[in-house]
Amino acid sequence: MRVYTRTGDDGTTGLIGGTRVKKYDLRLEAYGTVDELNSWIGLVRSQDLKSEDNTDLIEVQNNLFVIGALLATDQSKVKTEPNFNAIINHIKVLENRMDQILDDLPPLTNFLLPGGNNAISYCHLARTVCRRAERRTYQLSAEIEVPEPILKYLNRLSDFLYVLSRKIAKDCGIEEIPWKS
């Protein structure tokens, strides 16, 4: 199988199901941003993390591939009945992990400035890309039906990435710098 097909040379790309759309189509913006997020999370994972954090992020990456594929599918051409139980269950996993982590962190009284080390900074970059993926997917939901678990997952994931950044700071003994207005 070759990586290049030349079919996109005309400024279009194929959805799952065969429909061709412009490369600037909102659907591509949504699943392309999910793909970008997955790459940022891969960069977070390449840092020196605790094994449970790495395990959590591998699960996130797998879920993001599923979400990207669902967003890339033309449901009018390919009738699928995706099972969202794994994503719904992982929303609960993310919530439980955040609760566990937050129980071990000092409460927030201010916004925090992103940064501290590469892993923390990459978490913040992934968080902001996740927020953009969520915005693009909500925008897409005004045009096509986007299953609610996808929207909830992206919302919860951005929160998780913020909490993970705080955990990494604590694990590394890095002071969190509060924002001063």
Protein backbone atom coordinates (compact mmCIF):
# COMPACT_ATOMS: atom_id res chain seq x y z
CA MET A 1 0.00 0.00 0.00
CA ARG A 2 1.37 3.39 -0.95
CA VAL A 3 1.02 6.41 1.30
CA TYR A 4 0.28 8.74 -1.59
CA THR A 5 -2.77 8.38 -3.82
CA ARG A 6 -2.72 11.65 -5.78
CA THR A 7 -6.50 11.86 -5.35
CA GLY A 8 -6.13 14.88 -3.08
CA ASP A 9 -4.20 16.89 -5.63
CA ASP A 10 -7.47 18.60 -6.63
CA GLY A 11 -8.00 20.01 -3.12
CA THR A 12 -10.42 17.32 -1.96
CA THR A 13 -10.18 14.36 0.34
CA GLY A 14 -12.26 11.24 0.77
CA LEU A 15 -14.40 10.50 3.78
CA ILE A 16 -15.03 6.98 4.97
CA GLY A 17 -17.82 5.98 2.63
CA GLY A 18 -16.26 7.55 -0.46
CA THR A 19 -17.73 11.06 -0.39
CA ARG A 20 -15.20 13.68 -1.53
CA VAL A 21 -15.10 17.01 0.27
CA LYS A 22 -12.89 20.09 0.12
CA LYS A 23 -9.82 19.91 2.32
CA TYR A 24 -11.07 22.93 4.25
CA ASP A 25 -14.41 21.26 5.03
CA LEU A 26 -15.48 21.70 8.66
CA ARG A 27 -15.53 17.92 9.12
CA LEU A 28 -11.83 17.81 8.27
CA GLU A 29 -11.16 20.68 10.65
CA ALA A 30 -12.83 18.66 13.42
CA TYR A 31 -11.17 15.31 12.86
CA GLY A 32 -7.89 16.93 11.81
CA THR A 33 -7.76 18.77 15.11
CA VAL A 34 -8.50 15.51 16.94
CA ASP A 35 -5.56 14.00 15.02
CA GLU A 36 -3.35 16.94 15.99
CA LEU A 37 -4.40 16.46 19.62
CA ASN A 38 -3.45 12.79 19.42
CA SER A 39 0.03 13.80 18.23
CA TRP A 40 0.44 16.27 21.11
CA ILE A 41 -0.58 13.57 23.57
CA GLY A 42 2.05 11.33 21.97
CA LEU A 43 4.57 14.07 22.75
CA VAL A 44 3.35 14.22 26.36
CA ARG A 45 3.74 10.43 26.54
CA SER A 46 7.33 10.68 25.28
CA GLN A 47 8.28 12.55 28.46
CA ASP A 48 9.37 10.94 31.71
CA LEU A 49 5.95 10.10 33.20
CA LYS A 50 4.75 7.72 35.84
CA SER A 51 3.50 4.45 34.33
CA GLU A 52 -0.13 5.06 35.34
CA ASP A 53 -0.09 8.41 33.52
CA ASN A 54 1.38 6.78 30.43
CA THR A 55 -1.29 4.05 30.59
CA ASP A 56 -4.05 6.67 30.87
CA LEU A 57 -2.69 8.55 27.85
CA ILE A 58 -2.43 5.41 25.69
CA GLU A 59 -6.13 4.80 26.39
CA VAL A 60 -6.85 8.42 25.46
CA GLN A 61 -4.95 8.04 22.18
CA ASN A 62 -6.92 4.92 21.29
CA ASN A 63 -10.18 6.74 22.00
CA LEU A 64 -9.10 9.69 19.87
CA PHE A 65 -8.51 7.38 16.90
CA VAL A 66 -12.04 6.05 17.30
CA ILE A 67 -13.44 9.59 17.53
CA GLY A 68 -11.46 10.70 14.49
CA ALA A 69 -12.75 7.76 12.45
CA LEU A 70 -16.34 8.46 13.48
CA LEU A 71 -16.00 12.12 12.51
CA ALA A 72 -14.46 11.07 9.17
CA THR A 73 -17.34 8.75 8.30
CA ASP A 74 -20.11 9.89 5.99
CA GLN A 75 -23.04 8.34 7.85
CA SER A 76 -25.28 8.79 4.79
CA LYS A 77 -23.04 6.34 2.89
CA VAL A 78 -21.84 4.03 5.63
CA LYS A 79 -24.48 2.94 8.09
CA THR A 80 -22.75 2.24 11.33
CA GLU A 81 -24.11 1.78 14.77
CA PRO A 82 -21.04 2.66 16.77
CA ASN A 83 -20.91 1.37 20.30
CA PHE A 84 -20.09 4.36 22.47
CA ASN A 85 -19.88 2.34 25.70
CA ALA A 86 -16.08 2.43 25.68
CA ILE A 87 -16.02 6.21 25.30
CA ILE A 88 -18.79 6.68 27.89
CA ASN A 89 -16.91 4.40 30.28
CA HIS A 90 -13.67 6.26 29.66
CA ILE A 91 -15.37 9.57 30.50
CA LYS A 92 -16.02 8.04 33.91
CA VAL A 93 -12.43 6.79 34.08
CA LEU A 94 -11.16 10.31 33.38
CA GLU A 95 -13.45 11.76 36.04
CA ASN A 96 -12.32 9.18 38.59
CA ARG A 97 -8.64 9.77 37.77
CA MET A 98 -9.11 13.54 38.11
CA ASP A 99 -10.80 13.06 41.48
CA GLN A 100 -7.92 10.84 42.67
CA ILE A 101 -5.30 13.31 41.48
CA LEU A 102 -7.08 16.38 42.86
CA ASP A 103 -7.42 14.73 46.28
CA ASP A 104 -3.62 14.81 46.40
CA LEU A 105 -3.15 18.40 45.16
CA PRO A 106 -3.61 21.74 46.92
CA PRO A 107 -6.85 23.48 45.93
CA LEU A 108 -6.66 26.19 43.31
CA THR A 109 -7.30 29.79 44.26
CA ASN A 110 -5.95 31.34 41.03
CA PHE A 111 -5.43 30.45 37.41
CA LEU A 112 -1.98 28.98 36.82
CA LEU A 113 0.57 30.07 34.26
CA PRO A 114 1.34 27.21 31.86
CA GLY A 115 4.90 25.92 32.08
CA GLY A 116 7.42 24.47 34.47
CA ASN A 117 9.03 21.76 32.36
CA ASN A 118 8.47 20.17 28.97
CA ALA A 119 5.92 17.59 30.16
CA ILE A 120 3.80 20.24 31.90
CA SER A 121 4.03 22.58 28.92
CA TYR A 122 3.09 19.81 26.48
CA CYS A 123 0.06 18.98 28.65
CA HIS A 124 -1.05 22.59 28.36
CA LEU A 125 -0.50 22.62 24.60
CA ALA A 126 -2.50 19.39 24.30
CA ARG A 127 -5.21 20.93 26.51
CA THR A 128 -5.56 23.97 24.27
CA VAL A 129 -5.65 21.83 21.12
CA CYS A 130 -8.29 19.68 22.83
CA ARG A 131 -10.39 22.79 23.46
CA ARG A 132 -10.06 23.70 19.78
CA ALA A 133 -11.05 20.15 18.78
CA GLU A 134 -14.10 20.51 21.02
CA ARG A 135 -15.02 23.87 19.45
CA ARG A 136 -14.62 22.52 15.91
CA THR A 137 -16.67 19.44 16.75
CA TYR A 138 -19.45 21.51 18.29
CA GLN A 139 -19.39 23.71 15.20
CA LEU A 140 -19.65 20.57 13.05
CA SER A 141 -22.60 19.40 15.16
CA ALA A 142 -24.58 22.35 13.79
CA GLU A 143 -24.27 20.77 10.32
CA ILE A 144 -24.33 17.03 10.97
CA GLU A 145 -25.29 14.84 13.87
CA VAL A 146 -22.34 14.38 16.20
CA PRO A 147 -22.92 11.82 18.94
CA GLU A 148 -23.05 13.40 22.39
CA PRO A 149 -20.42 11.07 23.93
CA ILE A 150 -17.81 12.52 21.55
CA LEU A 151 -18.55 16.07 22.69
CA LYS A 152 -18.55 15.09 26.35
CA TYR A 153 -15.31 13.14 25.97
CA LEU A 154 -13.44 16.08 24.43
CA ASN A 155 -14.72 18.38 27.17
CA ARG A 156 -13.64 16.02 29.92
CA LEU A 157 -10.30 15.29 28.27
CA SER A 158 -9.27 18.95 28.30
CA ASP A 159 -9.99 19.04 32.04
CA PHE A 160 -7.98 15.85 32.51
CA LEU A 161 -4.98 17.31 30.67
CA TYR A 162 -5.06 20.35 32.97
CA VAL A 163 -5.21 18.17 36.07
CA LEU A 164 -2.44 15.94 34.67
CA SER A 165 -0.23 19.01 34.20
CA ARG A 166 -0.69 19.81 37.89
CA LYS A 167 0.08 16.22 38.88
CA ILE A 168 3.27 16.23 36.85
CA ALA A 169 4.31 19.50 38.50
CA LYS A 170 3.80 17.93 41.92
CA ASP A 171 5.56 14.68 40.91
CA CYS A 172 8.57 16.71 39.69
CA GLY A 173 8.59 19.13 42.62
CA ILE A 174 7.93 22.10 40.32
CA GLU A 175 6.24 25.14 41.81
CA GLU A 176 2.98 26.18 40.16
CA ILE A 177 3.02 29.88 39.31
CA PRO A 178 -0.32 31.62 39.89
CA TRP A 179 -1.59 34.20 37.44
CA LYS A 180 -1.61 37.70 38.89
CA SER A 181 -4.10 40.09 37.34
